[in-house]
Amino acid sequence: MASLDLRRILADWEHESSQISVRKIVGDDGTIKIQMRLDLGVLQMELAGRPDGKKPHGCESLLAHHEKRLARHIQKNGTELGFELTVEECAALREEAVQYYHRYLAEFVLEDFEAVESDTARNLRVLDLCRNHALDESDQFTLEQHRPYLVMMNARSKAHQALRRGAFKMAQIQVKAALQTIHEFYVSVGQEEAYEDSSEVSILQALAREIRARVPTDPLERLEAELQRAVEEERYEDAVVLRDRVAAMHEQANAVPVRKRKTG
């Protein structure tokens, strides 16, 4: 009988309390998994779908199940009115959201920012669904305290993706929009003063400063960044024009000035 003792795995992977330790491994089924080291063990998560690999009600997740229910309700009644989530359903959605929370933290450490964007956007939909349709009033607001954090992580993932493309202006737009969303949230809950003390706001403001520092000031660098972005976005006609402009600037920069011969 195979041993169920985890000590061998844990001994080969020390827990570090000062940082989030994650890694990717190949599972027995041949697919890649994400593992996160905790103080008393290891979390293992699937890369796609629900992190635990389950398909509740035959759907990718409980959220997907309830979103399908809502879509059928709207199709039948022509309105969202009357669609409700029970206390038990809201609790199950919250438990499921924790799984995605652990995964998007791991994804951020692994710098898989596209996956972080997907999982944080997904959890934001959980907040919206419970806020709009929970039968019990307390369930409508239980998760709302996490909205600034989710907005912040979603914006960071989008900004880092933009930075990889050299799209500095888009990265700045993502951060600015997130700060506005968080400010609107605090105003809506009557805690506008909490905005200035928000750790999420501080993180986004620091990211905004980092982006400003990375914006190319050299015209040639800026043009080369635009060329790279055009290629990645498959705007090939624009890329041809930008390539010619880059070549012309290189030629101009490398041209040897002609000295005029003195006369007389």
C-alpha atoms as a PDB file:
ATOM      1  CA  MET A   1       0.000   0.000   0.000  1.00  0.00           C
ATOM      2  CA  ALA A   2       1.373   3.413  -0.976  1.00  0.00           C
ATOM      3  CA  SER A   3       2.184   5.719   1.907  1.00  0.00           C
ATOM      4  CA  LEU A   4      -0.176   8.647   2.515  1.00  0.00           C
ATOM      5  CA  ASP A   5       2.381  10.481   4.643  1.00  0.00           C
ATOM      6  CA  LEU A   6       3.176  13.958   3.241  1.00  0.00           C
ATOM      7  CA  ARG A   7       6.392  14.430   5.218  1.00  0.00           C
ATOM      8  CA  ARG A   8       8.640  13.475   2.276  1.00  0.00           C
ATOM      9  CA  ILE A   9       7.045  16.136   0.050  1.00  0.00           C
ATOM     10  CA  LEU A  10       7.119  18.744   2.805  1.00  0.00           C
ATOM     11  CA  ALA A  11      10.712  17.968   3.735  1.00  0.00           C
ATOM     12  CA  ASP A  12      11.839  18.630   0.162  1.00  0.00           C
ATOM     13  CA  TRP A  13      10.057  21.991   0.073  1.00  0.00           C
ATOM     14  CA  GLU A  14      10.598  24.218   3.085  1.00  0.00           C
ATOM     15  CA  HIS A  15       7.874  26.684   4.038  1.00  0.00           C
ATOM     16  CA  GLU A  16       8.957  30.350   4.092  1.00  0.00           C
ATOM     17  CA  SER A  17       6.600  32.508   6.124  1.00  0.00           C
ATOM     18  CA  SER A  18       7.881  35.726   4.553  1.00  0.00           C
ATOM     19  CA  GLN A  19       6.765  34.878   1.028  1.00  0.00           C
ATOM     20  CA  ILE A  20       4.263  32.884  -0.999  1.00  0.00           C
ATOM     21  CA  SER A  21       5.964  29.737  -2.305  1.00  0.00           C
ATOM     22  CA  VAL A  22       4.420  28.189  -5.414  1.00  0.00           C
ATOM     23  CA  ARG A  23       5.484  25.849  -8.191  1.00  0.00           C
ATOM     24  CA  LYS A  24       4.121  23.977 -11.182  1.00  0.00           C
ATOM     25  CA  ILE A  25       4.279  20.182 -11.309  1.00  0.00           C
ATOM     26  CA  VAL A  26       3.069  17.464 -13.672  1.00  0.00           C
ATOM     27  CA  GLY A  27       0.295  15.435 -12.079  1.00  0.00           C
ATOM     28  CA  ASP A  28      -0.259  11.688 -12.340  1.00  0.00           C
ATOM     29  CA  ASP A  29      -2.800  12.408 -15.088  1.00  0.00           C
ATOM     30  CA  GLY A  30      -0.107  14.111 -17.168  1.00  0.00           C
ATOM     31  CA  THR A  31      -1.495  17.639 -16.777  1.00  0.00           C
ATOM     32  CA  ILE A  32       0.251  20.587 -15.142  1.00  0.00           C
ATOM     33  CA  LYS A  33      -0.877  21.561 -11.639  1.00  0.00           C
ATOM     34  CA  ILE A  34      -0.104  24.501  -9.381  1.00  0.00           C
ATOM     35  CA  GLN A  35       1.090  23.798  -5.863  1.00  0.00           C
ATOM     36  CA  MET A  36       1.252  26.314  -3.020  1.00  0.00           C
ATOM     37  CA  ARG A  37       3.316  25.580   0.087  1.00  0.00           C
ATOM     38  CA  LEU A  38       1.566  26.323   3.377  1.00  0.00           C
ATOM     39  CA  ASP A  39       2.899  26.035   6.911  1.00  0.00           C
ATOM     40  CA  LEU A  40       1.151  22.679   7.483  1.00  0.00           C
ATOM     41  CA  GLY A  41       1.009  21.275   3.985  1.00  0.00           C
ATOM     42  CA  VAL A  42       0.521  21.898   0.289  1.00  0.00           C
ATOM     43  CA  LEU A  43      -2.413  23.111  -1.782  1.00  0.00           C
ATOM     44  CA  GLN A  44      -2.678  21.583  -5.241  1.00  0.00           C
ATOM     45  CA  MET A  45      -4.826  23.277  -7.878  1.00  0.00           C
ATOM     46  CA  GLU A  46      -5.820  22.696 -11.471  1.00  0.00           C
ATOM     47  CA  LEU A  47      -4.704  25.285 -14.013  1.00  0.00           C
ATOM     48  CA  ALA A  48      -8.123  25.535 -15.670  1.00  0.00           C
ATOM     49  CA  GLY A  49     -11.688  25.300 -14.439  1.00  0.00           C
ATOM     50  CA  ARG A  50     -12.433  25.021 -10.754  1.00  0.00           C
ATOM     51  CA  PRO A  51      -9.163  24.705  -8.798  1.00  0.00           C
ATOM     52  CA  ASP A  52     -10.202  21.428  -7.141  1.00  0.00           C
ATOM     53  CA  GLY A  53     -11.151  19.945 -10.517  1.00  0.00           C
ATOM     54  CA  LYS A  54     -14.798  19.352  -9.590  1.00  0.00           C
ATOM     55  CA  LYS A  55     -17.732  20.184 -11.881  1.00  0.00           C
ATOM     56  CA  PRO A  56     -20.738  21.002  -9.674  1.00  0.00           C
ATOM     57  CA  HIS A  57     -24.064  20.398 -11.430  1.00  0.00           C
ATOM     58  CA  GLY A  58     -22.078  19.488 -14.527  1.00  0.00           C
ATOM     59  CA  CYS A  59     -20.746  23.058 -14.828  1.00  0.00           C
ATOM     60  CA  GLU A  60     -17.245  24.470 -14.630  1.00  0.00           C
ATOM     61  CA  SER A  61     -18.086  25.986 -11.238  1.00  0.00           C
ATOM     62  CA  LEU A  62     -20.948  26.886  -8.918  1.00  0.00           C
ATOM     63  CA  LEU A  63     -20.755  30.427 -10.279  1.00  0.00           C
ATOM     64  CA  ALA A  64     -21.231  29.135 -13.831  1.00  0.00           C
ATOM     65  CA  HIS A  65     -24.183  27.047 -12.629  1.00  0.00           C
ATOM     66  CA  HIS A  66     -25.931  30.013 -11.011  1.00  0.00           C
ATOM     67  CA  GLU A  67     -25.165  32.288 -13.961  1.00  0.00           C
ATOM     68  CA  LYS A  68     -26.898  29.747 -16.205  1.00  0.00           C
ATOM     69  CA  ARG A  69     -29.851  29.700 -13.797  1.00  0.00           C
ATOM     70  CA  LEU A  70     -30.004  33.490 -13.961  1.00  0.00           C
ATOM     71  CA  ALA A  71     -29.863  33.460 -17.770  1.00  0.00           C
ATOM     72  CA  ARG A  72     -32.765  30.981 -17.910  1.00  0.00           C
ATOM     73  CA  HIS A  73     -34.730  33.101 -15.428  1.00  0.00           C
ATOM     74  CA  ILE A  74     -34.247  36.221 -17.558  1.00  0.00           C
ATOM     75  CA  GLN A  75     -35.183  34.345 -20.721  1.00  0.00           C
ATOM     76  CA  LYS A  76     -38.368  33.088 -19.091  1.00  0.00           C
ATOM     77  CA  ASN A  77     -39.404  36.258 -17.244  1.00  0.00           C
ATOM     78  CA  GLY A  78     -37.728  39.037 -19.209  1.00  0.00           C
ATOM     79  CA  THR A  79     -36.128  40.415 -16.045  1.00  0.00           C
ATOM     80  CA  GLU A  80     -33.703  39.565 -13.233  1.00  0.00           C
ATOM     81  CA  LEU A  81     -36.403  40.377 -10.677  1.00  0.00           C
ATOM     82  CA  GLY A  82     -37.378  37.342  -8.658  1.00  0.00           C
ATOM     83  CA  PHE A  83     -34.084  35.511  -9.036  1.00  0.00           C
ATOM     84  CA  GLU A  84     -32.683  34.697  -5.593  1.00  0.00           C
ATOM     85  CA  LEU A  85     -29.768  32.910  -3.962  1.00  0.00           C
ATOM     86  CA  THR A  86     -30.377  31.107  -0.677  1.00  0.00           C
ATOM     87  CA  VAL A  87     -28.124  31.404   2.378  1.00  0.00           C
ATOM     88  CA  GLU A  88     -26.671  27.971   1.595  1.00  0.00           C
ATOM     89  CA  GLU A  89     -26.010  28.865  -2.038  1.00  0.00           C
ATOM     90  CA  CYS A  90     -24.214  32.079  -1.056  1.00  0.00           C
ATOM     91  CA  ALA A  91     -22.080  30.213   1.487  1.00  0.00           C
ATOM     92  CA  ALA A  92     -21.094  27.655  -1.163  1.00  0.00           C
ATOM     93  CA  LEU A  93     -20.198  30.448  -3.598  1.00  0.00           C
ATOM     94  CA  ARG A  94     -17.990  32.066  -0.962  1.00  0.00           C
ATOM     95  CA  GLU A  95     -16.211  28.775  -0.271  1.00  0.00           C
ATOM     96  CA  GLU A  96     -15.617  28.298  -3.982  1.00  0.00           C
ATOM     97  CA  ALA A  97     -14.295  31.867  -4.321  1.00  0.00           C
ATOM     98  CA  VAL A  98     -11.608  31.060  -1.718  1.00  0.00           C
ATOM     99  CA  GLN A  99     -10.261  28.363  -4.053  1.00  0.00           C
ATOM    100  CA  TYR A 100      -9.895  30.908  -6.847  1.00  0.00           C
ATOM    101  CA  TYR A 101      -8.307  33.363  -4.389  1.00  0.00           C
ATOM    102  CA  HIS A 102      -5.534  30.887  -3.604  1.00  0.00           C
ATOM    103  CA  ARG A 103      -5.023  30.180  -7.290  1.00  0.00           C
ATOM    104  CA  TYR A 104      -4.781  33.778  -8.436  1.00  0.00           C
ATOM    105  CA  LEU A 105      -2.254  34.497  -5.671  1.00  0.00           C
ATOM    106  CA  ALA A 106      -0.169  31.602  -6.972  1.00  0.00           C
ATOM    107  CA  GLU A 107      -0.629  32.777 -10.559  1.00  0.00           C
ATOM    108  CA  PHE A 108       0.568  36.262  -9.632  1.00  0.00           C
ATOM    109  CA  VAL A 109       3.743  34.852  -8.085  1.00  0.00           C
ATOM    110  CA  LEU A 110       4.259  32.798 -11.265  1.00  0.00           C
ATOM    111  CA  GLU A 111       3.650  36.008 -13.287  1.00  0.00           C
ATOM    112  CA  ASP A 112       0.816  34.395 -15.230  1.00  0.00           C
ATOM    113  CA  PHE A 113      -0.988  37.724 -15.355  1.00  0.00           C
ATOM    114  CA  GLU A 114      -3.558  36.646 -17.936  1.00  0.00           C
ATOM    115  CA  ALA A 115      -4.733  33.894 -15.571  1.00  0.00           C
ATOM    116  CA  VAL A 116      -4.802  36.377 -12.659  1.00  0.00           C
ATOM    117  CA  GLU A 117      -7.006  38.691 -14.715  1.00  0.00           C
ATOM    118  CA  SER A 118      -9.405  35.826 -15.483  1.00  0.00           C
ATOM    119  CA  ASP A 119      -9.684  34.528 -11.912  1.00  0.00           C
ATOM    120  CA  THR A 120     -10.046  37.960 -10.287  1.00  0.00           C
ATOM    121  CA  ALA A 121     -12.691  38.986 -12.843  1.00  0.00           C
ATOM    122  CA  ARG A 122     -14.465  35.739 -12.082  1.00  0.00           C
ATOM    123  CA  ASN A 123     -14.511  36.414  -8.325  1.00  0.00           C
ATOM    124  CA  LEU A 124     -15.768  39.953  -8.961  1.00  0.00           C
ATOM    125  CA  ARG A 125     -18.750  38.347 -10.713  1.00  0.00           C
ATOM    126  CA  VAL A 126     -19.399  36.345  -7.531  1.00  0.00           C
ATOM    127  CA  LEU A 127     -19.560  39.593  -5.572  1.00  0.00           C
ATOM    128  CA  ASP A 128     -21.972  41.086  -8.095  1.00  0.00           C
ATOM    129  CA  LEU A 129     -24.199  38.002  -8.111  1.00  0.00           C
ATOM    130  CA  CYS A 130     -24.480  37.846  -4.320  1.00  0.00           C
ATOM    131  CA  ARG A 131     -24.945  41.613  -3.961  1.00  0.00           C
ATOM    132  CA  ASN A 132     -27.760  41.661  -6.497  1.00  0.00           C
ATOM    133  CA  HIS A 133     -29.555  38.404  -5.735  1.00  0.00           C
ATOM    134  CA  ALA A 134     -28.825  37.097  -2.228  1.00  0.00           C
ATOM    135  CA  LEU A 135     -32.058  36.395  -0.364  1.00  0.00           C
ATOM    136  CA  ASP A 136     -30.523  37.283   3.006  1.00  0.00           C
ATOM    137  CA  GLU A 137     -29.349  40.898   3.298  1.00  0.00           C
ATOM    138  CA  SER A 138     -26.161  39.939   5.154  1.00  0.00           C
ATOM    139  CA  ASP A 139     -25.127  37.725   2.228  1.00  0.00           C
ATOM    140  CA  GLN A 140     -25.438  40.710  -0.093  1.00  0.00           C
ATOM    141  CA  PHE A 141     -22.603  42.523   1.678  1.00  0.00           C
ATOM    142  CA  THR A 142     -20.403  39.803   3.226  1.00  0.00           C
ATOM    143  CA  LEU A 143     -18.050  39.702   0.249  1.00  0.00           C
ATOM    144  CA  GLU A 144     -18.137  43.420  -0.558  1.00  0.00           C
ATOM    145  CA  GLN A 145     -15.244  44.113   1.813  1.00  0.00           C
ATOM    146  CA  HIS A 146     -13.011  42.246  -0.652  1.00  0.00           C
ATOM    147  CA  ARG A 147     -13.997  44.328  -3.693  1.00  0.00           C
ATOM    148  CA  PRO A 148     -11.101  46.863  -3.452  1.00  0.00           C
ATOM    149  CA  TYR A 149      -8.575  44.021  -3.217  1.00  0.00           C
ATOM    150  CA  LEU A 150     -10.032  42.199  -6.213  1.00  0.00           C
ATOM    151  CA  VAL A 151     -10.166  45.403  -8.268  1.00  0.00           C
ATOM    152  CA  MET A 152      -6.547  46.114  -7.342  1.00  0.00           C
ATOM    153  CA  MET A 153      -5.299  42.615  -8.270  1.00  0.00           C
ATOM    154  CA  ASN A 154      -7.281  42.658 -11.523  1.00  0.00           C
ATOM    155  CA  ALA A 155      -5.798  46.037 -12.478  1.00  0.00           C
ATOM    156  CA  ARG A 156      -2.261  44.953 -11.591  1.00  0.00           C
ATOM    157  CA  SER A 157      -2.571  41.905 -13.824  1.00  0.00           C
ATOM    158  CA  LYS A 158      -3.847  44.023 -16.729  1.00  0.00           C
ATOM    159  CA  ALA A 159      -1.156  46.662 -16.211  1.00  0.00           C
ATOM    160  CA  HIS A 160       1.651  44.090 -16.136  1.00  0.00           C
ATOM    161  CA  GLN A 161       0.350  42.535 -19.352  1.00  0.00           C
ATOM    162  CA  ALA A 162       0.335  45.990 -20.957  1.00  0.00           C
ATOM    163  CA  LEU A 163       3.876  46.682 -19.750  1.00  0.00           C
ATOM    164  CA  ARG A 164       5.073  43.462 -21.353  1.00  0.00           C
ATOM    165  CA  ARG A 165       3.733  44.776 -24.661  1.00  0.00           C
ATOM    166  CA  GLY A 166       5.345  48.149 -24.148  1.00  0.00           C
ATOM    167  CA  ALA A 167       1.869  49.666 -23.891  1.00  0.00           C
ATOM    168  CA  PHE A 168       2.727  52.145 -21.150  1.00  0.00           C
ATOM    169  CA  LYS A 169      -0.268  54.398 -21.699  1.00  0.00           C
ATOM    170  CA  MET A 170      -2.665  51.432 -21.475  1.00  0.00           C
ATOM    171  CA  ALA A 171      -1.007  50.340 -18.232  1.00  0.00           C
ATOM    172  CA  GLN A 172      -1.526  53.833 -16.828  1.00  0.00           C
ATOM    173  CA  ILE A 173      -5.178  53.777 -17.927  1.00  0.00           C
ATOM    174  CA  GLN A 174      -5.777  50.446 -16.163  1.00  0.00           C
ATOM    175  CA  VAL A 175      -4.332  51.731 -12.884  1.00  0.00           C
ATOM    176  CA  LYS A 176      -6.214  55.030 -13.063  1.00  0.00           C
ATOM    177  CA  ALA A 177      -9.516  53.248 -13.767  1.00  0.00           C
ATOM    178  CA  ALA A 178      -8.993  50.913 -10.801  1.00  0.00           C
ATOM    179  CA  LEU A 179      -8.271  53.807  -8.448  1.00  0.00           C
ATOM    180  CA  GLN A 180     -11.471  55.486  -9.633  1.00  0.00           C
ATOM    181  CA  THR A 181     -13.466  52.277  -9.090  1.00  0.00           C
ATOM    182  CA  ILE A 182     -12.099  51.856  -5.572  1.00  0.00           C
ATOM    183  CA  HIS A 183     -12.863  55.495  -4.761  1.00  0.00           C
ATOM    184  CA  GLU A 184     -16.429  55.051  -5.996  1.00  0.00           C
ATOM    185  CA  PHE A 185     -16.764  51.928  -3.847  1.00  0.00           C
ATOM    186  CA  TYR A 186     -15.763  53.746  -0.652  1.00  0.00           C
ATOM    187  CA  VAL A 187     -18.094  56.630  -1.487  1.00  0.00           C
ATOM    188  CA  SER A 188     -20.972  54.186  -2.074  1.00  0.00           C
ATOM    189  CA  VAL A 189     -20.508  52.604   1.370  1.00  0.00           C
ATOM    190  CA  GLY A 190     -20.156  55.985   3.095  1.00  0.00           C
ATOM    191  CA  GLN A 191     -16.435  55.555   3.884  1.00  0.00           C
ATOM    192  CA  GLU A 192     -14.775  57.994   1.508  1.00  0.00           C
ATOM    193  CA  GLU A 193     -12.138  58.819   4.125  1.00  0.00           C
ATOM    194  CA  ALA A 194     -10.973  55.182   4.017  1.00  0.00           C
ATOM    195  CA  TYR A 195      -9.768  55.646   0.442  1.00  0.00           C
ATOM    196  CA  GLU A 196      -6.597  57.503   1.435  1.00  0.00           C
ATOM    197  CA  ASP A 197      -5.678  54.838   4.012  1.00  0.00           C
ATOM    198  CA  SER A 198      -6.422  51.904   1.711  1.00  0.00           C
ATOM    199  CA  SER A 199      -3.498  49.511   1.184  1.00  0.00           C
ATOM    200  CA  GLU A 200      -4.913  48.686  -2.244  1.00  0.00           C
ATOM    201  CA  VAL A 201      -4.737  52.366  -3.204  1.00  0.00           C
ATOM    202  CA  SER A 202      -1.141  52.586  -1.965  1.00  0.00           C
ATOM    203  CA  ILE A 203      -0.141  49.566  -4.059  1.00  0.00           C
ATOM    204  CA  LEU A 204      -1.766  50.989  -7.182  1.00  0.00           C
ATOM    205  CA  GLN A 205      -0.234  54.411  -6.653  1.00  0.00           C
ATOM    206  CA  ALA A 206       3.197  52.789  -6.333  1.00  0.00           C
ATOM    207  CA  LEU A 207       2.562  50.881  -9.549  1.00  0.00           C
ATOM    208  CA  ALA A 208       1.559  54.128 -11.275  1.00  0.00           C
ATOM    209  CA  ARG A 209       4.882  55.675 -10.234  1.00  0.00           C
ATOM    210  CA  GLU A 210       6.739  52.611 -11.517  1.00  0.00           C
ATOM    211  CA  ILE A 211       4.983  52.856 -14.872  1.00  0.00           C
ATOM    212  CA  ARG A 212       5.803  56.562 -15.203  1.00  0.00           C
ATOM    213  CA  ALA A 213       9.456  55.778 -14.508  1.00  0.00           C
ATOM    214  CA  ARG A 214       9.493  53.154 -17.257  1.00  0.00           C
ATOM    215  CA  VAL A 215       7.927  55.294 -19.973  1.00  0.00           C
ATOM    216  CA  PRO A 216      10.562  55.728 -22.710  1.00  0.00           C
ATOM    217  CA  THR A 217      11.673  59.337 -23.042  1.00  0.00           C
ATOM    218  CA  ASP A 218      13.855  58.744 -26.109  1.00  0.00           C
ATOM    219  CA  PRO A 219      11.774  59.190 -29.321  1.00  0.00           C
ATOM    220  CA  LEU A 220      13.452  56.153 -30.920  1.00  0.00           C
ATOM    221  CA  GLU A 221      12.715  53.944 -27.889  1.00  0.00           C
ATOM    222  CA  ARG A 222       9.118  55.107 -27.888  1.00  0.00           C
ATOM    223  CA  LEU A 223       8.763  54.345 -31.605  1.00  0.00           C
ATOM    224  CA  GLU A 224      10.320  50.889 -31.185  1.00  0.00           C
ATOM    225  CA  ALA A 225       7.868  50.150 -28.356  1.00  0.00           C
ATOM    226  CA  GLU A 226       4.984  51.168 -30.619  1.00  0.00           C
ATOM    227  CA  LEU A 227       6.349  48.878 -33.352  1.00  0.00           C
ATOM    228  CA  GLN A 228       6.547  45.939 -30.943  1.00  0.00           C
ATOM    229  CA  ARG A 229       2.990  46.570 -29.772  1.00  0.00           C
ATOM    230  CA  ALA A 230       1.705  46.765 -33.364  1.00  0.00           C
ATOM    231  CA  VAL A 231       3.318  43.411 -34.214  1.00  0.00           C
ATOM    232  CA  GLU A 232       1.913  41.729 -31.095  1.00  0.00           C
ATOM    233  CA  GLU A 233      -1.553  43.085 -31.877  1.00  0.00           C
ATOM    234  CA  GLU A 234      -1.204  41.912 -35.503  1.00  0.00           C
ATOM    235  CA  ARG A 235      -1.645  45.437 -36.894  1.00  0.00           C
ATOM    236  CA  TYR A 236       0.723  44.656 -39.713  1.00  0.00           C
ATOM    237  CA  GLU A 237       0.013  47.719 -41.875  1.00  0.00           C
ATOM    238  CA  ASP A 238       0.817  49.969 -38.932  1.00  0.00           C
ATOM    239  CA  ALA A 239       3.894  47.837 -38.204  1.00  0.00           C
ATOM    240  CA  VAL A 240       5.252  48.398 -41.738  1.00  0.00           C
ATOM    241  CA  VAL A 241       4.910  52.175 -41.380  1.00  0.00           C
ATOM    242  CA  LEU A 242       6.494  52.133 -37.921  1.00  0.00           C
ATOM    243  CA  ARG A 243       9.310  49.860 -39.100  1.00  0.00           C
ATOM    244  CA  ASP A 244      10.192  52.305 -41.880  1.00  0.00           C
ATOM    245  CA  ARG A 245      10.150  55.196 -39.417  1.00  0.00           C
ATOM    246  CA  VAL A 246      12.416  53.292 -37.020  1.00  0.00           C
ATOM    247  CA  ALA A 247      14.815  52.456 -39.874  1.00  0.00           C
ATOM    248  CA  ALA A 248      14.882  56.091 -40.968  1.00  0.00           C
ATOM    249  CA  MET A 249      15.659  57.267 -37.445  1.00  0.00           C
ATOM    250  CA  HIS A 250      18.453  54.699 -37.116  1.00  0.00           C
ATOM    251  CA  GLU A 251      19.876  55.828 -40.457  1.00  0.00           C
ATOM    252  CA  GLN A 252      19.707  59.460 -39.406  1.00  0.00           C
ATOM    253  CA  ALA A 253      21.344  58.691 -36.060  1.00  0.00           C
ATOM    254  CA  ASN A 254      24.195  56.782 -37.719  1.00  0.00           C
ATOM    255  CA  ALA A 255      24.769  59.264 -40.569  1.00  0.00           C
ATOM    256  CA  VAL A 256      28.234  60.821 -40.643  1.00  0.00           C
ATOM    257  CA  PRO A 257      27.943  64.616 -40.888  1.00  0.00           C
ATOM    258  CA  VAL A 258      29.518  66.088 -44.024  1.00  0.00           C
ATOM    259  CA  ARG A 259      32.016  68.820 -43.220  1.00  0.00           C
ATOM    260  CA  LYS A 260      31.946  71.841 -45.449  1.00  0.00           C
ATOM    261  CA  ARG A 261      35.239  72.666 -47.159  1.00  0.00           C
ATOM    262  CA  LYS A 262      36.578  76.081 -46.266  1.00  0.00           C
ATOM    263  CA  THR A 263      37.004  78.513 -49.177  1.00  0.00           C
ATOM    264  CA  GLY A 264      39.309  81.522 -49.643  1.00  0.00           C
END
